[in-house]
């Protein structure tokens, strides 16, 4: 993928582009098309209700059961993490990660076939399925790349598991679409970061970007060379819309599900990066006027917000309104908000 020149893009252009394509500047109207857009790169759901809160940050009138809309399904997606994705996109986020290594591929396909025969349309606890197959339950995650495995996990207890018919799509096509989704939501990006996000071999990520080369535009960012989808060039060049005053993004939200140098663009201050991307479960990110200015954590009805700088009363009121509007299944009382510096 050799080009004569590269488009230079600034930090502000990148952040504005990611907020815009991620529907974080203005909420989308309630509806299945909006859910599809909110889940364009999948909704990581490894922390209870994270997918629901990611939807809430992007769509109007999000309620406690919105994540359970029939247009959405739950599976083990990129990096074998729990994900909520559009039902029609299940092959993209599963089959698109099928191992290229023949032996690994056979292992995943064999496990998926055995699981399908065992369940025969039933939904059971994944620990029960694992025992019946003589496998550690966590190994069942490897069957998900077949595109036939769905799970149900509501944040407590162990997930249940069921199987669906195999998708009618070539794995290579699914991989290409997965890369397009990644570039649209996380771009500008490199093949190596795509591979890390997807949980595939780096050489597979490079080969995928090579296959997409005719639809990519090279760019130069503050942290090095990268690529965007050519169809996204005008959006990244356009004058940015006004950012929303406040959004509460959950742990693992796509806006900051970044690695390496990509994190430097989002948060230039190294000490603050350590506060967001912690060694264990990440806190949520506090997004104010287009910049991450703190973190938040929830424990039942208590919401603790840690700010990295002074916020005026108007901004704090907007944040509290966001917190109160966040839907939490089986919890009717408004959150008790605790501010820390």
C-alpha atoms as a PDB file:
ATOM      1  CA  UNK A   1       0.000   0.000   0.000  1.00  0.00           C
ATOM      2  CA  UNK A   2       2.353   2.737  -1.216  1.00  0.00           C
ATOM      3  CA  UNK A   3       0.984   6.202  -1.941  1.00  0.00           C
ATOM      4  CA  UNK A   4       2.812   9.374  -2.986  1.00  0.00           C
ATOM      5  CA  UNK A   5       1.418  11.639  -0.276  1.00  0.00           C
ATOM      6  CA  UNK A   6      -0.498  11.457   2.957  1.00  0.00           C
ATOM      7  CA  UNK A   7      -3.309  13.610   4.265  1.00  0.00           C
ATOM      8  CA  UNK A   8      -2.311  15.333   7.497  1.00  0.00           C
ATOM      9  CA  UNK A   9      -4.950  15.162  10.230  1.00  0.00           C
ATOM     10  CA  UNK A  10      -4.810  16.874  13.612  1.00  0.00           C
ATOM     11  CA  UNK A  11      -5.751  15.575  17.043  1.00  0.00           C
ATOM     12  CA  UNK A  12      -8.919  17.676  17.049  1.00  0.00           C
ATOM     13  CA  UNK A  13      -9.939  16.354  13.622  1.00  0.00           C
ATOM     14  CA  UNK A  14      -9.485  12.784  14.811  1.00  0.00           C
ATOM     15  CA  UNK A  15     -11.451  13.278  18.020  1.00  0.00           C
ATOM     16  CA  UNK A  16     -14.233  15.108  16.214  1.00  0.00           C
ATOM     17  CA  UNK A  17     -14.407  12.396  13.552  1.00  0.00           C
ATOM     18  CA  UNK A  18     -14.623   9.610  16.136  1.00  0.00           C
ATOM     19  CA  UNK A  19     -17.327  11.404  18.113  1.00  0.00           C
ATOM     20  CA  UNK A  20     -19.281  12.132  14.953  1.00  0.00           C
ATOM     21  CA  UNK A  21     -19.263   8.614  13.529  1.00  0.00           C
ATOM     22  CA  UNK A  22     -19.853   7.298  17.049  1.00  0.00           C
ATOM     23  CA  UNK A  23     -22.999   9.448  17.496  1.00  0.00           C
ATOM     24  CA  UNK A  24     -21.625  11.084  20.624  1.00  0.00           C
ATOM     25  CA  UNK A  25     -22.181  14.731  19.647  1.00  0.00           C
ATOM     26  CA  UNK A  26     -25.933  14.359  19.207  1.00  0.00           C
ATOM     27  CA  UNK A  27     -28.093  11.430  20.232  1.00  0.00           C
ATOM     28  CA  UNK A  28     -29.812   9.408  17.545  1.00  0.00           C
ATOM     29  CA  UNK A  29     -33.607   9.008  17.534  1.00  0.00           C
ATOM     30  CA  UNK A  30     -34.876   5.830  19.153  1.00  0.00           C
ATOM     31  CA  UNK A  31     -35.171   2.974  16.683  1.00  0.00           C
ATOM     32  CA  UNK A  32     -33.509  -0.123  15.265  1.00  0.00           C
ATOM     33  CA  UNK A  33     -31.532   1.793  12.645  1.00  0.00           C
ATOM     34  CA  UNK A  34     -30.009   3.817  15.483  1.00  0.00           C
ATOM     35  CA  UNK A  35     -29.245   0.654  17.443  1.00  0.00           C
ATOM     36  CA  UNK A  36     -27.485  -0.706  14.366  1.00  0.00           C
ATOM     37  CA  UNK A  37     -25.378   2.431  14.064  1.00  0.00           C
ATOM     38  CA  UNK A  38     -24.584   2.457  17.797  1.00  0.00           C
ATOM     39  CA  UNK A  39     -23.367  -1.146  17.473  1.00  0.00           C
ATOM     40  CA  UNK A  40     -21.457  -0.558  14.212  1.00  0.00           C
ATOM     41  CA  UNK A  41     -18.196  -1.761  15.772  1.00  0.00           C
ATOM     42  CA  UNK A  42     -19.958  -3.886  18.373  1.00  0.00           C
ATOM     43  CA  UNK A  43     -20.772  -2.991  21.978  1.00  0.00           C
ATOM     44  CA  UNK A  44     -18.396  -4.538  24.481  1.00  0.00           C
ATOM     45  CA  UNK A  45     -20.439  -5.925  27.369  1.00  0.00           C
ATOM     46  CA  UNK A  46     -17.822  -7.468  29.653  1.00  0.00           C
ATOM     47  CA  UNK A  47     -18.881  -5.173  32.535  1.00  0.00           C
ATOM     48  CA  UNK A  48     -22.542  -5.453  33.595  1.00  0.00           C
ATOM     49  CA  UNK A  49     -24.792  -3.213  31.462  1.00  0.00           C
ATOM     50  CA  UNK A  50     -21.847  -1.675  29.592  1.00  0.00           C
ATOM     51  CA  UNK A  51     -23.535  -2.245  26.219  1.00  0.00           C
ATOM     52  CA  UNK A  52     -26.747  -0.669  27.510  1.00  0.00           C
ATOM     53  CA  UNK A  53     -24.872   2.399  28.730  1.00  0.00           C
ATOM     54  CA  UNK A  54     -23.004   2.691  25.428  1.00  0.00           C
ATOM     55  CA  UNK A  55     -26.384   2.740  23.681  1.00  0.00           C
ATOM     56  CA  UNK A  56     -27.680   5.335  26.160  1.00  0.00           C
ATOM     57  CA  UNK A  57     -24.766   7.624  25.293  1.00  0.00           C
ATOM     58  CA  UNK A  58     -25.790   7.472  21.624  1.00  0.00           C
ATOM     59  CA  UNK A  59     -29.566   7.054  21.391  1.00  0.00           C
ATOM     60  CA  UNK A  60     -32.568   8.878  22.792  1.00  0.00           C
ATOM     61  CA  UNK A  61     -35.110   7.176  25.052  1.00  0.00           C
ATOM     62  CA  UNK A  62     -32.874   4.276  26.001  1.00  0.00           C
ATOM     63  CA  UNK A  63     -34.555   2.123  28.645  1.00  0.00           C
ATOM     64  CA  UNK A  64     -33.442  -0.738  30.905  1.00  0.00           C
ATOM     65  CA  UNK A  65     -34.424  -3.387  28.330  1.00  0.00           C
ATOM     66  CA  UNK A  66     -33.144  -1.657  25.170  1.00  0.00           C
ATOM     67  CA  UNK A  67     -30.106  -3.923  24.971  1.00  0.00           C
ATOM     68  CA  UNK A  68     -32.528  -6.858  24.705  1.00  0.00           C
ATOM     69  CA  UNK A  69     -34.118  -5.596  21.485  1.00  0.00           C
ATOM     70  CA  UNK A  70     -34.725  -8.476  19.030  1.00  0.00           C
ATOM     71  CA  UNK A  71     -32.449  -6.767  16.513  1.00  0.00           C
ATOM     72  CA  UNK A  72     -29.479  -7.312  18.869  1.00  0.00           C
ATOM     73  CA  UNK A  73     -27.734 -10.487  20.024  1.00  0.00           C
ATOM     74  CA  UNK A  74     -25.012 -11.295  22.514  1.00  0.00           C
ATOM     75  CA  UNK A  75     -21.943 -13.377  21.732  1.00  0.00           C
ATOM     76  CA  UNK A  76     -18.228 -13.709  22.359  1.00  0.00           C
ATOM     77  CA  UNK A  77     -16.810 -11.160  19.959  1.00  0.00           C
ATOM     78  CA  UNK A  78     -13.407  -9.502  19.437  1.00  0.00           C
ATOM     79  CA  UNK A  79     -10.750 -10.853  21.784  1.00  0.00           C
ATOM     80  CA  UNK A  80     -13.401 -13.367  22.965  1.00  0.00           C
ATOM     81  CA  UNK A  81     -14.956 -10.623  25.113  1.00  0.00           C
ATOM     82  CA  UNK A  82     -18.713 -10.457  25.662  1.00  0.00           C
ATOM     83  CA  UNK A  83     -20.270  -8.280  22.940  1.00  0.00           C
ATOM     84  CA  UNK A  84     -23.712  -7.099  21.915  1.00  0.00           C
ATOM     85  CA  UNK A  85     -23.981  -6.808  18.122  1.00  0.00           C
ATOM     86  CA  UNK A  86     -26.724  -6.390  15.553  1.00  0.00           C
ATOM     87  CA  UNK A  87     -28.180  -9.819  14.767  1.00  0.00           C
ATOM     88  CA  UNK A  88     -27.532  -9.336  11.052  1.00  0.00           C
ATOM     89  CA  UNK A  89     -23.880  -8.532  11.810  1.00  0.00           C
ATOM     90  CA  UNK A  90     -23.185 -11.674  13.845  1.00  0.00           C
ATOM     91  CA  UNK A  91     -21.011 -13.228  11.083  1.00  0.00           C
ATOM     92  CA  UNK A  92     -18.865 -10.082  10.885  1.00  0.00           C
ATOM     93  CA  UNK A  93     -17.903 -10.126  14.555  1.00  0.00           C
ATOM     94  CA  UNK A  94     -17.481 -13.905  14.808  1.00  0.00           C
ATOM     95  CA  UNK A  95     -16.674 -15.577  11.484  1.00  0.00           C
ATOM     96  CA  UNK A  96     -14.540 -12.541  10.633  1.00  0.00           C
ATOM     97  CA  UNK A  97     -12.143 -13.646  13.385  1.00  0.00           C
ATOM     98  CA  UNK A  98     -11.857 -17.270  12.274  1.00  0.00           C
ATOM     99  CA  UNK A  99      -8.196 -18.341  12.722  1.00  0.00           C
ATOM    100  CA  UNK A 100      -6.120 -18.514   9.546  1.00  0.00           C
ATOM    101  CA  UNK A 101      -4.071 -21.372  10.954  1.00  0.00           C
ATOM    102  CA  UNK A 102      -5.662 -24.589   9.594  1.00  0.00           C
ATOM    103  CA  UNK A 103      -5.227 -26.527  12.832  1.00  0.00           C
ATOM    104  CA  UNK A 104      -6.743 -23.750  14.955  1.00  0.00           C
ATOM    105  CA  UNK A 105      -9.593 -23.376  12.482  1.00  0.00           C
ATOM    106  CA  UNK A 106     -10.377 -27.112  12.607  1.00  0.00           C
ATOM    107  CA  UNK A 107     -10.359 -26.994  16.414  1.00  0.00           C
ATOM    108  CA  UNK A 108     -12.878 -24.134  16.471  1.00  0.00           C
ATOM    109  CA  UNK A 109     -15.108 -25.702  13.822  1.00  0.00           C
ATOM    110  CA  UNK A 110     -15.055 -29.109  15.531  1.00  0.00           C
ATOM    111  CA  UNK A 111     -15.937 -27.566  18.895  1.00  0.00           C
ATOM    112  CA  UNK A 112     -18.808 -25.603  17.301  1.00  0.00           C
ATOM    113  CA  UNK A 113     -20.178 -28.740  15.624  1.00  0.00           C
ATOM    114  CA  UNK A 114     -20.041 -30.754  18.850  1.00  0.00           C
ATOM    115  CA  UNK A 115     -21.734 -27.940  20.728  1.00  0.00           C
ATOM    116  CA  UNK A 116     -24.504 -27.692  18.150  1.00  0.00           C
ATOM    117  CA  UNK A 117     -25.141 -31.445  18.297  1.00  0.00           C
ATOM    118  CA  UNK A 118     -25.227 -31.337  22.089  1.00  0.00           C
ATOM    119  CA  UNK A 119     -27.648 -28.443  22.436  1.00  0.00           C
ATOM    120  CA  UNK A 120     -29.968 -29.314  19.540  1.00  0.00           C
ATOM    121  CA  UNK A 121     -31.744 -25.976  19.830  1.00  0.00           C
ATOM    122  CA  UNK A 122     -31.694 -25.807  23.644  1.00  0.00           C
ATOM    123  CA  UNK A 123     -30.285 -22.992  25.749  1.00  0.00           C
ATOM    124  CA  UNK A 124     -28.263 -24.163  28.764  1.00  0.00           C
ATOM    125  CA  UNK A 125     -25.706 -22.802  31.189  1.00  0.00           C
ATOM    126  CA  UNK A 126     -22.352 -22.673  29.461  1.00  0.00           C
ATOM    127  CA  UNK A 127     -20.731 -24.466  32.414  1.00  0.00           C
ATOM    128  CA  UNK A 128     -23.177 -27.347  31.914  1.00  0.00           C
ATOM    129  CA  UNK A 129     -22.397 -27.461  28.191  1.00  0.00           C
ATOM    130  CA  UNK A 130     -18.683 -27.481  28.887  1.00  0.00           C
ATOM    131  CA  UNK A 131     -18.941 -30.377  31.324  1.00  0.00           C
ATOM    132  CA  UNK A 132     -21.079 -32.377  28.888  1.00  0.00           C
ATOM    133  CA  UNK A 133     -18.435 -31.959  26.194  1.00  0.00           C
ATOM    134  CA  UNK A 134     -15.561 -32.679  28.562  1.00  0.00           C
ATOM    135  CA  UNK A 135     -14.203 -29.167  27.996  1.00  0.00           C
ATOM    136  CA  UNK A 136     -13.460 -26.277  30.308  1.00  0.00           C
ATOM    137  CA  UNK A 137     -16.413 -23.892  29.794  1.00  0.00           C
ATOM    138  CA  UNK A 138     -14.114 -21.032  28.809  1.00  0.00           C
ATOM    139  CA  UNK A 139     -12.974 -23.070  25.807  1.00  0.00           C
ATOM    140  CA  UNK A 140     -16.465 -22.737  24.350  1.00  0.00           C
ATOM    141  CA  UNK A 141     -15.541 -19.157  23.476  1.00  0.00           C
ATOM    142  CA  UNK A 142     -13.437 -20.557  20.651  1.00  0.00           C
ATOM    143  CA  UNK A 143     -16.562 -22.010  19.057  1.00  0.00           C
ATOM    144  CA  UNK A 144     -17.981 -18.494  18.672  1.00  0.00           C
ATOM    145  CA  UNK A 145     -15.799 -17.759  15.621  1.00  0.00           C
ATOM    146  CA  UNK A 146     -18.001 -20.206  13.705  1.00  0.00           C
ATOM    147  CA  UNK A 147     -20.809 -17.659  13.778  1.00  0.00           C
ATOM    148  CA  UNK A 148     -23.140 -20.206  15.361  1.00  0.00           C
ATOM    149  CA  UNK A 149     -22.883 -19.381  19.082  1.00  0.00           C
ATOM    150  CA  UNK A 150     -25.067 -16.951  21.018  1.00  0.00           C
ATOM    151  CA  UNK A 151     -24.939 -16.298  24.744  1.00  0.00           C
ATOM    152  CA  UNK A 152     -27.074 -14.586  27.343  1.00  0.00           C
ATOM    153  CA  UNK A 153     -25.327 -12.818  30.208  1.00  0.00           C
ATOM    154  CA  UNK A 154     -27.019 -10.175  32.325  1.00  0.00           C
ATOM    155  CA  UNK A 155     -24.133  -9.238  34.572  1.00  0.00           C
ATOM    156  CA  UNK A 156     -24.574 -11.826  37.297  1.00  0.00           C
ATOM    157  CA  UNK A 157     -24.113 -15.570  37.307  1.00  0.00           C
ATOM    158  CA  UNK A 158     -22.788 -17.570  34.393  1.00  0.00           C
ATOM    159  CA  UNK A 159     -23.959 -17.044  30.824  1.00  0.00           C
ATOM    160  CA  UNK A 160     -26.280 -19.411  29.041  1.00  0.00           C
ATOM    161  CA  UNK A 161     -25.405 -20.586  25.567  1.00  0.00           C
ATOM    162  CA  UNK A 162     -27.279 -21.691  22.450  1.00  0.00           C
ATOM    163  CA  UNK A 163     -26.456 -22.262  18.807  1.00  0.00           C
ATOM    164  CA  UNK A 164     -27.907 -20.987  15.535  1.00  0.00           C
ATOM    165  CA  UNK A 165     -27.438 -22.118  11.920  1.00  0.00           C
ATOM    166  CA  UNK A 166     -24.066 -21.279  10.338  1.00  0.00           C
ATOM    167  CA  UNK A 167     -23.907 -18.019   8.389  1.00  0.00           C
ATOM    168  CA  UNK A 168     -23.898 -18.009   4.593  1.00  0.00           C
ATOM    169  CA  UNK A 169     -20.865 -15.785   4.099  1.00  0.00           C
ATOM    170  CA  UNK A 170     -17.225 -16.407   3.301  1.00  0.00           C
ATOM    171  CA  UNK A 171     -14.906 -15.848   6.304  1.00  0.00           C
ATOM    172  CA  UNK A 172     -12.626 -13.642   4.206  1.00  0.00           C
ATOM    173  CA  UNK A 173     -15.548 -11.369   3.312  1.00  0.00           C
ATOM    174  CA  UNK A 174     -16.538 -11.212   6.966  1.00  0.00           C
ATOM    175  CA  UNK A 175     -12.936 -10.273   7.867  1.00  0.00           C
ATOM    176  CA  UNK A 176     -12.908  -7.446   5.313  1.00  0.00           C
ATOM    177  CA  UNK A 177     -16.165  -6.050   6.673  1.00  0.00           C
ATOM    178  CA  UNK A 178     -14.851  -6.312  10.227  1.00  0.00           C
ATOM    179  CA  UNK A 179     -11.848  -4.200   9.207  1.00  0.00           C
ATOM    180  CA  UNK A 180     -14.132  -1.635   7.541  1.00  0.00           C
ATOM    181  CA  UNK A 181     -16.169  -1.389  10.728  1.00  0.00           C
ATOM    182  CA  UNK A 182     -13.005  -0.921  12.754  1.00  0.00           C
ATOM    183  CA  UNK A 183     -11.612   1.764  10.462  1.00  0.00           C
ATOM    184  CA  UNK A 184     -14.879   3.688  10.427  1.00  0.00           C
ATOM    185  CA  UNK A 185     -15.219   3.823  14.224  1.00  0.00           C
ATOM    186  CA  UNK A 186     -11.573   3.755  15.368  1.00  0.00           C
ATOM    187  CA  UNK A 187      -9.828   5.401  12.416  1.00  0.00           C
ATOM    188  CA  UNK A 188      -7.274   6.604  11.596  1.00  0.00           C
ATOM    189  CA  UNK A 189      -5.755   3.233  12.386  1.00  0.00           C
ATOM    190  CA  UNK A 190      -3.092   0.729  11.444  1.00  0.00           C
ATOM    191  CA  UNK A 191      -3.287  -2.938  10.546  1.00  0.00           C
ATOM    192  CA  UNK A 192      -1.491  -3.877  13.750  1.00  0.00           C
ATOM    193  CA  UNK A 193      -4.056  -2.131  15.975  1.00  0.00           C
ATOM    194  CA  UNK A 194      -6.884  -3.727  14.023  1.00  0.00           C
ATOM    195  CA  UNK A 195      -5.378  -7.165  14.655  1.00  0.00           C
ATOM    196  CA  UNK A 196      -4.981  -6.425  18.370  1.00  0.00           C
ATOM    197  CA  UNK A 197      -8.565  -5.164  18.670  1.00  0.00           C
ATOM    198  CA  UNK A 198     -10.013  -8.103  16.751  1.00  0.00           C
ATOM    199  CA  UNK A 199      -7.853 -10.672  18.514  1.00  0.00           C
ATOM    200  CA  UNK A 200      -6.308 -12.097  15.353  1.00  0.00           C
ATOM    201  CA  UNK A 201      -2.714 -12.604  14.259  1.00  0.00           C
ATOM    202  CA  UNK A 202      -0.888  -9.439  13.241  1.00  0.00           C
ATOM    203  CA  UNK A 203      -0.011 -10.896   9.848  1.00  0.00           C
ATOM    204  CA  UNK A 204      -3.741 -11.487   9.284  1.00  0.00           C
ATOM    205  CA  UNK A 205      -4.473  -7.850  10.061  1.00  0.00           C
ATOM    206  CA  UNK A 206      -1.784  -6.704   7.625  1.00  0.00           C
ATOM    207  CA  UNK A 207      -3.128  -8.993   4.900  1.00  0.00           C
ATOM    208  CA  UNK A 208      -6.641  -7.647   5.452  1.00  0.00           C
ATOM    209  CA  UNK A 209      -5.513  -4.036   5.091  1.00  0.00           C
ATOM    210  CA  UNK A 210      -3.615  -5.014   1.931  1.00  0.00           C
ATOM    211  CA  UNK A 211      -6.803  -6.502   0.508  1.00  0.00           C
ATOM    212  CA  UNK A 212      -8.631  -3.230   1.282  1.00  0.00           C
ATOM    213  CA  UNK A 213      -5.887  -0.981  -0.102  1.00  0.00           C
ATOM    214  CA  UNK A 214      -7.952   0.364  -3.004  1.00  0.00           C
ATOM    215  CA  UNK A 215     -10.549   1.728  -0.575  1.00  0.00           C
ATOM    216  CA  UNK A 216      -8.105   3.251   1.926  1.00  0.00           C
ATOM    217  CA  UNK A 217      -6.529   6.704   2.153  1.00  0.00           C
ATOM    218  CA  UNK A 218      -3.157   7.179   3.882  1.00  0.00           C
ATOM    219  CA  UNK A 219      -2.961   9.845   6.586  1.00  0.00           C
ATOM    220  CA  UNK A 220      -0.393  11.309   8.941  1.00  0.00           C
ATOM    221  CA  UNK A 221      -1.487  11.725  12.561  1.00  0.00           C
ATOM    222  CA  UNK A 222       0.273  13.254  15.611  1.00  0.00           C
ATOM    223  CA  UNK A 223       1.421   9.719  16.519  1.00  0.00           C
ATOM    224  CA  UNK A 224       2.442   8.463  13.103  1.00  0.00           C
ATOM    225  CA  UNK A 225       1.146   7.199   9.775  1.00  0.00           C
ATOM    226  CA  UNK A 226      -2.197   5.426   9.559  1.00  0.00           C
ATOM    227  CA  UNK A 227      -5.168   4.755   7.279  1.00  0.00           C
ATOM    228  CA  UNK A 228      -8.780   5.802   6.949  1.00  0.00           C
ATOM    229  CA  UNK A 229     -11.567   4.578   4.710  1.00  0.00           C
ATOM    230  CA  UNK A 230     -11.552   6.757   1.606  1.00  0.00           C
ATOM    231  CA  UNK A 231     -15.299   7.252   2.068  1.00  0.00           C
ATOM    232  CA  UNK A 232     -14.560   8.873   5.442  1.00  0.00           C
ATOM    233  CA  UNK A 233     -12.111  11.470   4.110  1.00  0.00           C
ATOM    234  CA  UNK A 234     -14.694  14.214   3.637  1.00  0.00           C
ATOM    235  CA  UNK A 235     -16.108  13.683   7.120  1.00  0.00           C
ATOM    236  CA  UNK A 236     -12.697  14.022   8.713  1.00  0.00           C
ATOM    237  CA  UNK A 237     -12.028  17.189   6.672  1.00  0.00           C
ATOM    238  CA  UNK A 238     -15.372  18.844   7.469  1.00  0.00           C
ATOM    239  CA  UNK A 239     -15.776  21.479  10.165  1.00  0.00           C
ATOM    240  CA  UNK A 240     -16.671  19.642  13.373  1.00  0.00           C
ATOM    241  CA  UNK A 241     -20.124  19.952  14.920  1.00  0.00           C
ATOM    242  CA  UNK A 242     -20.470  21.258  18.452  1.00  0.00           C
ATOM    243  CA  UNK A 243     -19.741  18.478  20.949  1.00  0.00           C
ATOM    244  CA  UNK A 244     -22.281  17.431  23.562  1.00  0.00           C
ATOM    245  CA  UNK A 245     -21.729  18.993  26.960  1.00  0.00           C
ATOM    246  CA  UNK A 246     -21.671  15.664  28.755  1.00  0.00           C
ATOM    247  CA  UNK A 247     -21.616  11.915  28.129  1.00  0.00           C
ATOM    248  CA  UNK A 248     -20.896   9.068  30.539  1.00  0.00           C
ATOM    249  CA  UNK A 249     -19.137   6.296  28.614  1.00  0.00           C
ATOM    250  CA  UNK A 250     -18.989   2.838  30.232  1.00  0.00           C
ATOM    251  CA  UNK A 251     -15.992   0.578  30.646  1.00  0.00           C
ATOM    252  CA  UNK A 252     -14.878  -0.729  27.253  1.00  0.00           C
ATOM    253  CA  UNK A 253     -16.849   1.820  25.227  1.00  0.00           C
ATOM    254  CA  UNK A 254     -15.640   1.984  21.618  1.00  0.00           C
ATOM    255  CA  UNK A 255     -14.657   5.646  21.972  1.00  0.00           C
ATOM    256  CA  UNK A 256     -11.737   4.764  24.202  1.00  0.00           C
ATOM    257  CA  UNK A 257     -11.224   1.061  23.499  1.00  0.00           C
ATOM    258  CA  UNK A 258      -7.747   1.908  22.243  1.00  0.00           C
ATOM    259  CA  UNK A 259      -4.221   0.576  22.538  1.00  0.00           C
ATOM    260  CA  UNK A 260      -0.688   1.971  22.287  1.00  0.00           C
ATOM    261  CA  UNK A 261      -0.130   5.324  20.652  1.00  0.00           C
ATOM    262  CA  UNK A 262      -3.851   5.718  19.898  1.00  0.00           C
ATOM    263  CA  UNK A 263      -4.330   6.427  23.582  1.00  0.00           C
ATOM    264  CA  UNK A 264      -1.960   9.393  23.373  1.00  0.00           C
ATOM    265  CA  UNK A 265      -4.271  11.118  20.910  1.00  0.00           C
ATOM    266  CA  UNK A 266      -7.270  10.728  23.178  1.00  0.00           C
ATOM    267  CA  UNK A 267      -5.454  11.716  26.386  1.00  0.00           C
ATOM    268  CA  UNK A 268      -2.063  13.421  25.888  1.00  0.00           C
ATOM    269  CA  UNK A 269      -1.255  13.500  29.627  1.00  0.00           C
ATOM    270  CA  UNK A 270       0.459  10.229  30.569  1.00  0.00           C
ATOM    271  CA  UNK A 271      -0.606  10.357  34.232  1.00  0.00           C
ATOM    272  CA  UNK A 272      -4.240  10.750  33.269  1.00  0.00           C
ATOM    273  CA  UNK A 273      -3.971   7.868  30.828  1.00  0.00           C
ATOM    274  CA  UNK A 274      -3.024   5.646  33.749  1.00  0.00           C
ATOM    275  CA  UNK A 275      -6.222   6.695  35.545  1.00  0.00           C
ATOM    276  CA  UNK A 276      -8.432   5.616  32.639  1.00  0.00           C
ATOM    277  CA  UNK A 277      -6.675   2.520  31.303  1.00  0.00           C
ATOM    278  CA  UNK A 278      -6.049   0.726  34.577  1.00  0.00           C
ATOM    279  CA  UNK A 279      -4.479  -2.755  34.957  1.00  0.00           C
ATOM    280  CA  UNK A 280      -7.824  -4.266  35.980  1.00  0.00           C
ATOM    281  CA  UNK A 281     -11.410  -3.368  35.064  1.00  0.00           C
ATOM    282  CA  UNK A 282     -11.420   0.057  33.456  1.00  0.00           C
ATOM    283  CA  UNK A 283     -13.586   2.796  34.933  1.00  0.00           C
ATOM    284  CA  UNK A 284     -16.059   4.637  32.758  1.00  0.00           C
ATOM    285  CA  UNK A 285     -14.901   7.782  30.962  1.00  0.00           C
ATOM    286  CA  UNK A 286     -16.338  11.237  31.648  1.00  0.00           C
ATOM    287  CA  UNK A 287     -16.659  13.054  28.323  1.00  0.00           C
ATOM    288  CA  UNK A 288     -17.205  16.820  28.623  1.00  0.00           C
ATOM    289  CA  UNK A 289     -17.422  19.128  25.593  1.00  0.00           C
ATOM    290  CA  UNK A 290     -15.491  16.622  23.493  1.00  0.00           C
ATOM    291  CA  UNK A 291     -12.675  15.868  25.949  1.00  0.00           C
ATOM    292  CA  UNK A 292     -12.286  13.118  28.544  1.00  0.00           C
ATOM    293  CA  UNK A 293     -11.856  14.984  31.838  1.00  0.00           C
ATOM    294  CA  UNK A 294     -12.352  12.256  34.416  1.00  0.00           C
ATOM    295  CA  UNK A 295     -13.667   8.799  35.223  1.00  0.00           C
ATOM    296  CA  UNK A 296     -16.692   7.251  36.895  1.00  0.00           C
ATOM    297  CA  UNK A 297     -17.642   4.025  38.612  1.00  0.00           C
ATOM    298  CA  UNK A 298     -20.999   2.686  39.749  1.00  0.00           C
ATOM    299  CA  UNK A 299     -21.739   0.378  42.661  1.00  0.00           C
ATOM    300  CA  UNK A 300     -25.484  -0.299  42.782  1.00  0.00           C
ATOM    301  CA  UNK A 301     -27.061   3.145  43.367  1.00  0.00           C
ATOM    302  CA  UNK A 302     -23.805   4.942  44.166  1.00  0.00           C
ATOM    303  CA  UNK A 303     -22.053   6.701  41.296  1.00  0.00           C
ATOM    304  CA  UNK A 304     -18.570   8.040  42.009  1.00  0.00           C
ATOM    305  CA  UNK A 305     -17.236  10.637  39.566  1.00  0.00           C
ATOM    306  CA  UNK A 306     -13.557  11.561  39.671  1.00  0.00           C
ATOM    307  CA  UNK A 307     -12.680  14.776  37.853  1.00  0.00           C
ATOM    308  CA  UNK A 308      -9.198  15.753  36.728  1.00  0.00           C
ATOM    309  CA  UNK A 309      -9.837  19.501  36.768  1.00  0.00           C
ATOM    310  CA  UNK A 310     -12.348  22.052  38.017  1.00  0.00           C
ATOM    311  CA  UNK A 311     -15.813  21.874  36.464  1.00  0.00           C
ATOM    312  CA  UNK A 312     -18.300  24.722  36.726  1.00  0.00           C
ATOM    313  CA  UNK A 313     -21.774  24.276  38.162  1.00  0.00           C
ATOM    314  CA  UNK A 314     -23.462  24.199  34.750  1.00  0.00           C
ATOM    315  CA  UNK A 315     -21.242  21.352  33.602  1.00  0.00           C
ATOM    316  CA  UNK A 316     -21.691  19.406  36.826  1.00  0.00           C
ATOM    317  CA  UNK A 317     -25.463  19.778  36.541  1.00  0.00           C
ATOM    318  CA  UNK A 318     -25.335  18.420  32.974  1.00  0.00           C
ATOM    319  CA  UNK A 319     -23.282  15.443  34.159  1.00  0.00           C
ATOM    320  CA  UNK A 320     -25.730  14.752  36.976  1.00  0.00           C
ATOM    321  CA  UNK A 321     -28.623  14.840  34.486  1.00  0.00           C
ATOM    322  CA  UNK A 322     -26.788  12.258  32.387  1.00  0.00           C
ATOM    323  CA  UNK A 323     -26.224  10.089  35.437  1.00  0.00           C
ATOM    324  CA  UNK A 324     -29.864  10.255  36.514  1.00  0.00           C
ATOM    325  CA  UNK A 325     -31.047   9.338  33.011  1.00  0.00           C
ATOM    326  CA  UNK A 326     -28.818   6.258  32.754  1.00  0.00           C
ATOM    327  CA  UNK A 327     -31.018   3.143  32.675  1.00  0.00           C
ATOM    328  CA  UNK A 328     -30.136   0.361  35.083  1.00  0.00           C
ATOM    329  CA  UNK A 329     -32.211  -2.840  34.999  1.00  0.00           C
ATOM    330  CA  UNK A 330     -34.087  -3.625  38.218  1.00  0.00           C
ATOM    331  CA  UNK A 331     -33.057  -0.318  39.816  1.00  0.00           C
ATOM    332  CA  UNK A 332     -35.659   2.420  40.102  1.00  0.00           C
ATOM    333  CA  UNK A 333     -34.039   4.791  42.585  1.00  0.00           C
ATOM    334  CA  UNK A 334     -31.913   7.626  41.140  1.00  0.00           C
ATOM    335  CA  UNK A 335     -28.167   7.317  41.714  1.00  0.00           C
ATOM    336  CA  UNK A 336     -26.433   8.895  44.679  1.00  0.00           C
ATOM    337  CA  UNK A 337     -23.629  10.907  43.084  1.00  0.00           C
ATOM    338  CA  UNK A 338     -20.322  11.357  44.856  1.00  0.00           C
ATOM    339  CA  UNK A 339     -17.747  13.781  43.402  1.00  0.00           C
ATOM    340  CA  UNK A 340     -13.993  13.370  43.953  1.00  0.00           C
ATOM    341  CA  UNK A 341     -10.879  15.092  42.556  1.00  0.00           C
END
